[in-house]
N, C-alpha and C. Protein backbone atom coordinates (compact mmCIF):
# COMPACT_ATOMS: atom_id res chain seq x y z
N MET A 1 1.89 -17.14 15.31
CA MET A 1 1.37 -16.19 14.34
C MET A 1 2.18 -16.34 13.05
N ASN A 2 1.47 -16.48 11.93
CA ASN A 2 2.17 -16.62 10.65
C ASN A 2 2.14 -15.29 9.88
N GLY A 3 2.73 -15.29 8.70
CA GLY A 3 2.83 -14.07 7.89
C GLY A 3 1.49 -13.48 7.51
N ALA A 4 0.53 -14.35 7.20
CA ALA A 4 -0.79 -13.86 6.82
C ALA A 4 -1.49 -13.20 8.00
N HIS A 5 -1.35 -13.81 9.18
CA HIS A 5 -1.98 -13.25 10.37
C HIS A 5 -1.39 -11.88 10.70
N PHE A 6 -0.09 -11.76 10.64
CA PHE A 6 0.55 -10.47 10.95
C PHE A 6 0.13 -9.41 9.93
N HIS A 7 0.06 -9.79 8.66
CA HIS A 7 -0.37 -8.84 7.63
C HIS A 7 -1.80 -8.37 7.90
N LEU A 8 -2.67 -9.29 8.28
CA LEU A 8 -4.05 -8.91 8.59
C LEU A 8 -4.12 -7.98 9.80
N LEU A 9 -3.21 -8.13 10.74
CA LEU A 9 -3.21 -7.25 11.91
C LEU A 9 -2.80 -5.82 11.56
N VAL A 10 -1.79 -5.68 10.69
CA VAL A 10 -1.24 -4.34 10.44
C VAL A 10 -1.84 -3.64 9.23
N ASN A 11 -2.47 -4.37 8.32
CA ASN A 11 -2.92 -3.72 7.09
C ASN A 11 -4.10 -2.78 7.29
N HIS A 12 -4.79 -2.89 8.40
CA HIS A 12 -5.92 -2.01 8.66
C HIS A 12 -5.48 -0.64 9.20
N VAL A 13 -4.30 -0.57 9.75
CA VAL A 13 -3.83 0.68 10.37
C VAL A 13 -3.75 1.83 9.35
N PRO A 14 -3.13 1.64 8.18
CA PRO A 14 -3.08 2.77 7.24
C PRO A 14 -4.47 3.16 6.71
N ILE A 15 -5.36 2.20 6.59
CA ILE A 15 -6.70 2.50 6.08
C ILE A 15 -7.48 3.31 7.13
N ILE A 16 -7.58 2.76 8.32
CA ILE A 16 -8.34 3.42 9.39
C ILE A 16 -7.63 4.71 9.81
N GLY A 17 -6.31 4.67 9.88
CA GLY A 17 -5.54 5.86 10.26
C GLY A 17 -5.76 7.02 9.30
N THR A 18 -5.81 6.72 8.01
CA THR A 18 -6.04 7.77 7.02
C THR A 18 -7.45 8.34 7.16
N ILE A 19 -8.41 7.48 7.39
CA ILE A 19 -9.79 7.96 7.56
C ILE A 19 -9.89 8.86 8.78
N PHE A 20 -9.38 8.39 9.92
CA PHE A 20 -9.45 9.21 11.14
C PHE A 20 -8.62 10.49 11.00
N GLY A 21 -7.43 10.38 10.42
CA GLY A 21 -6.60 11.56 10.23
C GLY A 21 -7.28 12.60 9.36
N MET A 22 -7.92 12.16 8.28
CA MET A 22 -8.63 13.08 7.40
C MET A 22 -9.77 13.76 8.15
N LEU A 23 -10.54 12.98 8.91
CA LEU A 23 -11.67 13.55 9.65
C LEU A 23 -11.20 14.57 10.69
N ILE A 24 -10.15 14.24 11.42
CA ILE A 24 -9.61 15.16 12.43
C ILE A 24 -9.07 16.42 11.76
N LEU A 25 -8.32 16.24 10.68
CA LEU A 25 -7.78 17.40 9.97
C LEU A 25 -8.89 18.27 9.41
N PHE A 26 -9.92 17.65 8.88
CA PHE A 26 -11.06 18.39 8.34
C PHE A 26 -11.70 19.26 9.42
N VAL A 27 -11.92 18.67 10.59
CA VAL A 27 -12.50 19.43 11.70
C VAL A 27 -11.56 20.57 12.10
N GLY A 28 -10.27 20.30 12.14
CA GLY A 28 -9.29 21.34 12.49
C GLY A 28 -9.28 22.49 11.50
N VAL A 29 -9.41 22.17 10.22
CA VAL A 29 -9.44 23.22 9.19
C VAL A 29 -10.72 24.03 9.31
N ILE A 30 -11.84 23.34 9.50
CA ILE A 30 -13.13 24.03 9.63
C ILE A 30 -13.14 24.93 10.87
N LEU A 31 -12.65 24.41 12.00
CA LEU A 31 -12.65 25.18 13.25
C LEU A 31 -11.48 26.16 13.35
N LYS A 32 -10.54 26.05 12.41
CA LYS A 32 -9.32 26.87 12.44
C LYS A 32 -8.57 26.70 13.76
N ASN A 33 -8.48 25.44 14.17
CA ASN A 33 -7.85 25.10 15.44
C ASN A 33 -6.54 24.38 15.15
N SER A 34 -5.43 25.01 15.52
CA SER A 34 -4.10 24.46 15.22
C SER A 34 -3.85 23.13 15.92
N THR A 35 -4.32 23.00 17.15
CA THR A 35 -4.09 21.75 17.89
C THR A 35 -4.80 20.59 17.21
N VAL A 36 -6.03 20.81 16.78
CA VAL A 36 -6.77 19.74 16.10
C VAL A 36 -6.11 19.43 14.75
N LYS A 37 -5.67 20.48 14.04
CA LYS A 37 -4.97 20.25 12.76
C LYS A 37 -3.71 19.43 12.98
N LEU A 38 -2.94 19.77 14.00
CA LEU A 38 -1.70 19.03 14.28
C LEU A 38 -2.00 17.57 14.61
N THR A 39 -3.08 17.35 15.34
CA THR A 39 -3.46 15.97 15.66
C THR A 39 -3.81 15.20 14.39
N GLY A 40 -4.58 15.81 13.51
CA GLY A 40 -4.94 15.17 12.24
C GLY A 40 -3.72 14.92 11.37
N LEU A 41 -2.84 15.90 11.31
CA LEU A 41 -1.62 15.74 10.50
C LEU A 41 -0.74 14.63 11.06
N GLY A 42 -0.60 14.59 12.39
CA GLY A 42 0.20 13.53 13.01
C GLY A 42 -0.38 12.15 12.74
N THR A 43 -1.71 12.07 12.76
CA THR A 43 -2.37 10.80 12.47
C THR A 43 -2.13 10.38 11.02
N LEU A 44 -2.16 11.35 10.10
CA LEU A 44 -1.90 11.04 8.69
C LEU A 44 -0.45 10.61 8.47
N ILE A 45 0.48 11.23 9.18
CA ILE A 45 1.89 10.83 9.08
C ILE A 45 2.04 9.39 9.57
N PHE A 46 1.41 9.09 10.70
CA PHE A 46 1.45 7.73 11.24
C PHE A 46 0.86 6.73 10.25
N ALA A 47 -0.26 7.09 9.64
CA ALA A 47 -0.90 6.21 8.67
C ALA A 47 0.01 5.96 7.47
N ALA A 48 0.66 7.02 6.99
CA ALA A 48 1.57 6.87 5.84
C ALA A 48 2.75 5.97 6.20
N LEU A 49 3.31 6.16 7.39
CA LEU A 49 4.43 5.33 7.81
C LEU A 49 4.00 3.88 8.02
N SER A 50 2.80 3.69 8.55
CA SER A 50 2.33 2.32 8.80
C SER A 50 2.06 1.56 7.50
N SER A 51 1.85 2.29 6.42
CA SER A 51 1.63 1.60 5.14
C SER A 51 2.87 0.83 4.71
N SER A 52 4.05 1.31 5.09
CA SER A 52 5.27 0.57 4.74
C SER A 52 5.34 -0.75 5.50
N VAL A 53 4.85 -0.76 6.75
CA VAL A 53 4.82 -2.01 7.52
C VAL A 53 3.85 -2.99 6.87
N ALA A 54 2.67 -2.48 6.50
CA ALA A 54 1.68 -3.34 5.84
C ALA A 54 2.26 -3.91 4.55
N LEU A 55 2.98 -3.07 3.80
CA LEU A 55 3.56 -3.52 2.54
C LEU A 55 4.64 -4.58 2.78
N MET A 56 5.46 -4.38 3.81
CA MET A 56 6.53 -5.34 4.10
C MET A 56 6.00 -6.69 4.56
N THR A 57 4.81 -6.70 5.13
CA THR A 57 4.25 -7.98 5.58
C THR A 57 3.48 -8.70 4.48
N GLY A 58 3.36 -8.07 3.31
CA GLY A 58 2.61 -8.67 2.21
C GLY A 58 3.25 -9.92 1.66
N ASP A 59 4.56 -9.91 1.44
CA ASP A 59 5.22 -11.09 0.88
C ASP A 59 5.15 -12.30 1.81
N PRO A 60 5.41 -12.13 3.11
CA PRO A 60 5.23 -13.30 3.99
C PRO A 60 3.78 -13.81 4.00
N ALA A 61 2.81 -12.89 3.88
CA ALA A 61 1.41 -13.32 3.82
C ALA A 61 1.16 -14.11 2.54
N GLU A 62 1.73 -13.63 1.45
CA GLU A 62 1.57 -14.33 0.17
C GLU A 62 2.14 -15.73 0.24
N GLU A 63 3.33 -15.86 0.82
CA GLU A 63 3.96 -17.18 0.94
C GLU A 63 3.12 -18.12 1.79
N THR A 64 2.44 -17.57 2.80
CA THR A 64 1.63 -18.39 3.70
C THR A 64 0.39 -18.94 3.01
N ILE A 65 -0.24 -18.11 2.17
CA ILE A 65 -1.54 -18.53 1.61
C ILE A 65 -1.45 -19.12 0.20
N GLN A 66 -0.32 -18.98 -0.47
CA GLN A 66 -0.21 -19.56 -1.81
C GLN A 66 -0.44 -21.06 -1.75
N GLY A 67 -1.22 -21.52 -2.68
CA GLY A 67 -1.49 -22.95 -2.75
C GLY A 67 -2.71 -23.39 -1.97
N LEU A 68 -3.28 -22.49 -1.16
CA LEU A 68 -4.50 -22.85 -0.45
C LEU A 68 -5.66 -22.91 -1.43
N ALA A 69 -6.63 -23.72 -1.14
CA ALA A 69 -7.81 -23.87 -2.00
C ALA A 69 -8.52 -22.52 -2.13
N GLY A 70 -8.83 -22.15 -3.35
CA GLY A 70 -9.57 -20.90 -3.61
C GLY A 70 -8.71 -19.66 -3.67
N VAL A 71 -7.42 -19.80 -3.46
CA VAL A 71 -6.52 -18.64 -3.50
C VAL A 71 -5.95 -18.53 -4.91
N SER A 72 -6.10 -17.35 -5.47
CA SER A 72 -5.67 -17.10 -6.83
C SER A 72 -4.42 -16.22 -6.86
N ASN A 73 -3.41 -16.68 -7.58
CA ASN A 73 -2.21 -15.87 -7.73
C ASN A 73 -2.52 -14.56 -8.46
N ALA A 74 -3.46 -14.60 -9.38
CA ALA A 74 -3.83 -13.38 -10.11
C ALA A 74 -4.42 -12.34 -9.16
N LEU A 75 -5.25 -12.78 -8.21
CA LEU A 75 -5.81 -11.85 -7.23
C LEU A 75 -4.74 -11.29 -6.32
N ILE A 76 -3.80 -12.13 -5.93
CA ILE A 76 -2.69 -11.67 -5.08
C ILE A 76 -1.88 -10.62 -5.82
N GLN A 77 -1.55 -10.89 -7.09
CA GLN A 77 -0.76 -9.94 -7.87
C GLN A 77 -1.52 -8.64 -8.10
N HIS A 78 -2.82 -8.74 -8.33
CA HIS A 78 -3.65 -7.55 -8.51
C HIS A 78 -3.63 -6.70 -7.24
N HIS A 79 -3.78 -7.34 -6.09
CA HIS A 79 -3.74 -6.65 -4.80
C HIS A 79 -2.38 -5.99 -4.59
N GLU A 80 -1.32 -6.69 -4.91
CA GLU A 80 0.03 -6.16 -4.73
C GLU A 80 0.25 -4.93 -5.62
N THR A 81 -0.24 -4.98 -6.85
CA THR A 81 -0.12 -3.83 -7.76
C THR A 81 -0.84 -2.61 -7.21
N ILE A 82 -2.05 -2.81 -6.72
CA ILE A 82 -2.84 -1.70 -6.17
C ILE A 82 -2.16 -1.18 -4.91
N ALA A 83 -1.61 -2.07 -4.08
CA ALA A 83 -0.93 -1.64 -2.86
C ALA A 83 0.27 -0.74 -3.18
N TYR A 84 1.07 -1.13 -4.17
CA TYR A 84 2.20 -0.29 -4.57
C TYR A 84 1.71 1.04 -5.16
N SER A 85 0.63 1.01 -5.90
CA SER A 85 0.07 2.25 -6.46
C SER A 85 -0.39 3.19 -5.36
N SER A 86 -0.90 2.63 -4.28
CA SER A 86 -1.36 3.45 -3.15
C SER A 86 -0.22 4.28 -2.56
N LEU A 87 0.98 3.75 -2.63
CA LEU A 87 2.12 4.49 -2.09
C LEU A 87 2.34 5.82 -2.81
N TRP A 88 1.93 5.90 -4.08
CA TRP A 88 2.10 7.13 -4.84
C TRP A 88 1.21 8.25 -4.31
N ILE A 89 0.23 7.91 -3.51
CA ILE A 89 -0.60 8.92 -2.84
C ILE A 89 -0.20 9.05 -1.37
N LEU A 90 0.05 7.92 -0.71
CA LEU A 90 0.35 7.95 0.72
C LEU A 90 1.67 8.63 1.05
N ILE A 91 2.69 8.39 0.26
CA ILE A 91 3.99 9.01 0.55
C ILE A 91 3.92 10.53 0.41
N PRO A 92 3.39 11.06 -0.72
CA PRO A 92 3.26 12.52 -0.78
C PRO A 92 2.34 13.08 0.31
N MET A 93 1.28 12.35 0.65
CA MET A 93 0.40 12.81 1.72
C MET A 93 1.17 12.92 3.04
N GLY A 94 1.97 11.92 3.35
CA GLY A 94 2.76 11.94 4.58
C GLY A 94 3.78 13.07 4.59
N ILE A 95 4.41 13.29 3.45
CA ILE A 95 5.40 14.39 3.35
C ILE A 95 4.70 15.74 3.50
N LEU A 96 3.57 15.90 2.82
CA LEU A 96 2.81 17.14 2.94
C LEU A 96 2.34 17.36 4.38
N ALA A 97 1.90 16.30 5.02
CA ALA A 97 1.45 16.41 6.41
C ALA A 97 2.60 16.85 7.31
N ALA A 98 3.78 16.29 7.08
CA ALA A 98 4.95 16.68 7.88
C ALA A 98 5.31 18.15 7.63
N LEU A 99 5.28 18.57 6.37
CA LEU A 99 5.58 19.97 6.05
C LEU A 99 4.53 20.91 6.66
N ALA A 100 3.27 20.51 6.58
CA ALA A 100 2.20 21.32 7.17
C ALA A 100 2.35 21.40 8.68
N MET A 101 2.68 20.28 9.29
CA MET A 101 2.87 20.26 10.73
C MET A 101 4.00 21.19 11.15
N TYR A 102 5.11 21.12 10.44
CA TYR A 102 6.25 21.98 10.73
C TYR A 102 5.87 23.46 10.55
N SER A 103 5.17 23.76 9.48
CA SER A 103 4.77 25.14 9.20
C SER A 103 3.81 25.68 10.26
N ILE A 104 2.89 24.84 10.71
CA ILE A 104 1.96 25.25 11.76
C ILE A 104 2.70 25.48 13.07
N TRP A 105 3.64 24.60 13.39
CA TRP A 105 4.44 24.79 14.61
C TRP A 105 5.21 26.11 14.57
N LYS A 106 5.72 26.41 13.40
CA LYS A 106 6.51 27.64 13.22
C LYS A 106 5.61 28.87 13.02
N LYS A 107 4.30 28.63 13.00
CA LYS A 107 3.30 29.68 12.81
C LYS A 107 3.48 30.43 11.49
N GLU A 108 3.86 29.67 10.46
CA GLU A 108 3.99 30.23 9.12
C GLU A 108 2.63 30.21 8.43
N ARG A 109 2.41 31.16 7.57
CA ARG A 109 1.13 31.24 6.85
C ARG A 109 0.92 30.04 5.93
N SER A 110 1.99 29.48 5.45
CA SER A 110 1.88 28.34 4.53
C SER A 110 1.31 27.10 5.20
N GLY A 111 1.31 27.05 6.52
CA GLY A 111 0.82 25.88 7.24
C GLY A 111 -0.62 25.56 6.93
N ASN A 112 -1.46 26.59 6.87
CA ASN A 112 -2.88 26.36 6.58
C ASN A 112 -3.09 25.88 5.15
N VAL A 113 -2.35 26.46 4.21
CA VAL A 113 -2.46 26.04 2.82
C VAL A 113 -2.00 24.59 2.67
N LEU A 114 -0.87 24.27 3.31
CA LEU A 114 -0.36 22.90 3.25
C LEU A 114 -1.33 21.92 3.92
N ALA A 115 -1.99 22.35 4.98
CA ALA A 115 -2.97 21.49 5.65
C ALA A 115 -4.13 21.18 4.71
N VAL A 116 -4.60 22.18 3.97
CA VAL A 116 -5.71 21.96 3.04
C VAL A 116 -5.27 21.05 1.89
N ILE A 117 -4.06 21.26 1.38
CA ILE A 117 -3.54 20.39 0.31
C ILE A 117 -3.41 18.96 0.82
N THR A 118 -2.94 18.81 2.07
CA THR A 118 -2.83 17.48 2.68
C THR A 118 -4.21 16.85 2.80
N LEU A 119 -5.19 17.66 3.15
CA LEU A 119 -6.57 17.17 3.27
C LEU A 119 -7.05 16.60 1.94
N VAL A 120 -6.75 17.30 0.84
CA VAL A 120 -7.13 16.81 -0.49
C VAL A 120 -6.44 15.48 -0.79
N PHE A 121 -5.15 15.41 -0.48
CA PHE A 121 -4.41 14.16 -0.69
C PHE A 121 -4.98 13.03 0.16
N SER A 122 -5.43 13.38 1.37
CA SER A 122 -5.97 12.33 2.25
C SER A 122 -7.26 11.75 1.69
N PHE A 123 -8.07 12.56 1.01
CA PHE A 123 -9.27 12.02 0.35
C PHE A 123 -8.87 11.00 -0.71
N ALA A 124 -7.87 11.35 -1.52
CA ALA A 124 -7.39 10.43 -2.55
C ALA A 124 -6.79 9.19 -1.91
N ALA A 125 -6.07 9.37 -0.81
CA ALA A 125 -5.45 8.24 -0.13
C ALA A 125 -6.51 7.28 0.41
N ILE A 126 -7.61 7.83 0.93
CA ILE A 126 -8.69 6.98 1.43
C ILE A 126 -9.24 6.13 0.28
N GLY A 127 -9.41 6.75 -0.87
CA GLY A 127 -9.89 5.99 -2.03
C GLY A 127 -8.95 4.87 -2.41
N MET A 128 -7.66 5.19 -2.48
CA MET A 128 -6.68 4.17 -2.86
C MET A 128 -6.56 3.08 -1.80
N MET A 129 -6.56 3.48 -0.53
CA MET A 129 -6.44 2.48 0.53
C MET A 129 -7.69 1.60 0.60
N SER A 130 -8.84 2.18 0.32
CA SER A 130 -10.07 1.37 0.29
C SER A 130 -10.00 0.35 -0.83
N TRP A 131 -9.50 0.78 -1.97
CA TRP A 131 -9.35 -0.13 -3.10
C TRP A 131 -8.34 -1.23 -2.78
N THR A 132 -7.24 -0.83 -2.13
CA THR A 132 -6.24 -1.81 -1.73
C THR A 132 -6.85 -2.84 -0.78
N GLY A 133 -7.60 -2.34 0.20
CA GLY A 133 -8.25 -3.25 1.15
C GLY A 133 -9.24 -4.17 0.48
N LEU A 134 -9.99 -3.63 -0.47
CA LEU A 134 -10.97 -4.44 -1.20
C LEU A 134 -10.28 -5.56 -1.98
N THR A 135 -9.23 -5.21 -2.71
CA THR A 135 -8.54 -6.24 -3.49
C THR A 135 -7.87 -7.28 -2.59
N GLY A 136 -7.43 -6.85 -1.41
CA GLY A 136 -6.88 -7.82 -0.45
C GLY A 136 -7.96 -8.74 0.07
N GLY A 137 -9.11 -8.18 0.38
CA GLY A 137 -10.22 -8.99 0.87
C GLY A 137 -10.72 -9.98 -0.16
N GLU A 138 -10.67 -9.59 -1.43
CA GLU A 138 -11.15 -10.47 -2.50
C GLU A 138 -10.33 -11.75 -2.61
N ILE A 139 -9.11 -11.73 -2.09
CA ILE A 139 -8.26 -12.92 -2.19
C ILE A 139 -8.90 -14.11 -1.47
N ARG A 140 -9.48 -13.87 -0.30
CA ARG A 140 -10.06 -14.97 0.47
C ARG A 140 -11.57 -14.88 0.64
N HIS A 141 -12.15 -13.73 0.33
CA HIS A 141 -13.59 -13.55 0.55
C HIS A 141 -14.31 -13.49 -0.79
N THR A 142 -14.81 -14.63 -1.22
CA THR A 142 -15.50 -14.70 -2.51
C THR A 142 -16.77 -13.86 -2.52
N GLU A 143 -17.35 -13.60 -1.35
CA GLU A 143 -18.60 -12.85 -1.31
C GLU A 143 -18.43 -11.38 -1.68
N ILE A 144 -17.20 -10.87 -1.67
CA ILE A 144 -17.00 -9.47 -2.05
C ILE A 144 -16.35 -9.31 -3.41
N ARG A 145 -16.07 -10.41 -4.07
CA ARG A 145 -15.45 -10.32 -5.39
C ARG A 145 -16.41 -9.71 -6.39
N SER A 146 -15.88 -8.79 -7.19
CA SER A 146 -16.70 -8.15 -8.22
C SER A 146 -16.73 -9.04 -9.46
N GLN A 147 -17.63 -8.70 -10.38
CA GLN A 147 -17.74 -9.45 -11.62
C GLN A 147 -16.44 -9.40 -12.40
N SER A 148 -15.84 -8.22 -12.48
CA SER A 148 -14.61 -8.09 -13.27
C SER A 148 -13.48 -8.91 -12.67
N VAL A 149 -13.44 -8.98 -11.35
CA VAL A 149 -12.42 -9.79 -10.69
C VAL A 149 -12.69 -11.26 -10.93
N GLY A 150 -13.96 -11.63 -11.01
CA GLY A 150 -14.31 -13.01 -11.26
C GLY A 150 -13.75 -13.52 -12.57
N ASP A 151 -13.55 -12.62 -13.53
CA ASP A 151 -12.98 -13.01 -14.81
C ASP A 151 -11.49 -13.29 -14.69
N LEU A 152 -10.84 -12.61 -13.76
CA LEU A 152 -9.40 -12.71 -13.61
C LEU A 152 -8.92 -14.11 -13.32
N PRO A 153 -9.23 -14.60 -12.15
CA PRO A 153 -8.33 -15.55 -11.57
C PRO A 153 -8.82 -16.94 -11.29
N VAL A 154 -9.55 -17.06 -10.22
CA VAL A 154 -9.80 -18.36 -9.63
C VAL A 154 -10.46 -19.30 -10.61
N GLU A 155 -11.47 -18.85 -11.31
CA GLU A 155 -12.18 -19.73 -12.23
C GLU A 155 -11.26 -20.20 -13.36
N LYS A 156 -10.47 -19.29 -13.91
CA LYS A 156 -9.55 -19.69 -14.98
C LYS A 156 -8.49 -20.65 -14.46
N GLU A 157 -7.98 -20.37 -13.23
CA GLU A 157 -6.98 -21.25 -12.66
C GLU A 157 -7.57 -22.62 -12.35
N LYS A 158 -8.82 -22.65 -11.88
CA LYS A 158 -9.49 -23.93 -11.62
C LYS A 158 -9.64 -24.71 -12.91
N GLN A 159 -10.01 -24.02 -13.99
CA GLN A 159 -10.16 -24.69 -15.28
C GLN A 159 -8.84 -25.28 -15.74
N GLU A 160 -7.75 -24.49 -15.58
CA GLU A 160 -6.43 -24.98 -15.99
C GLU A 160 -6.03 -26.19 -15.16
N LEU A 161 -6.32 -26.15 -13.84
CA LEU A 161 -5.99 -27.29 -12.99
C LEU A 161 -6.78 -28.53 -13.41
N ASN A 162 -8.06 -28.34 -13.71
CA ASN A 162 -8.90 -29.47 -14.14
C ASN A 162 -8.43 -30.05 -15.46
N GLU A 163 -7.97 -29.19 -16.36
CA GLU A 163 -7.49 -29.65 -17.66
C GLU A 163 -6.20 -30.45 -17.51
N ASN A 164 -5.38 -30.08 -16.52
CA ASN A 164 -4.12 -30.76 -16.31
C ASN A 164 -4.27 -32.10 -15.58
N ASP A 165 -5.42 -32.33 -14.98
CA ASP A 165 -5.65 -33.59 -14.23
C ASP A 165 -5.81 -34.74 -15.13
């Protein structure tokens, strides 16, 4: 197993974990069920923590695929920038989830408010993680590249390589 393979294995956990955690927490808030809320919050904490593993495996993945045909350094850098930006939502979401979990365990009134705030952050986190996943997929999957991304990288790099030949 190389760096790219390991990154592909772990990078889906924060995305899927955030989606499932948000859904579970949403149901818990709607049903006013502490056990379901705690499950959703725990899932969101796990998703936030797993994002650091996905981030740490990014550089070895980059080293593995750099220089392969069709791989653009600009796309890799764009993905890396979005991945770091996602942390600005995931870390506060994880902290809020932990605070909400603690408050619910202690049966404090703030637990429900913190759970709802965490729920809002989880919606934003899903958006950021989806964007991160999309930009990662665009590195090797030309079929999902957007028009704006098409301007960035591969075509310009191909032109530069052809000019240098």
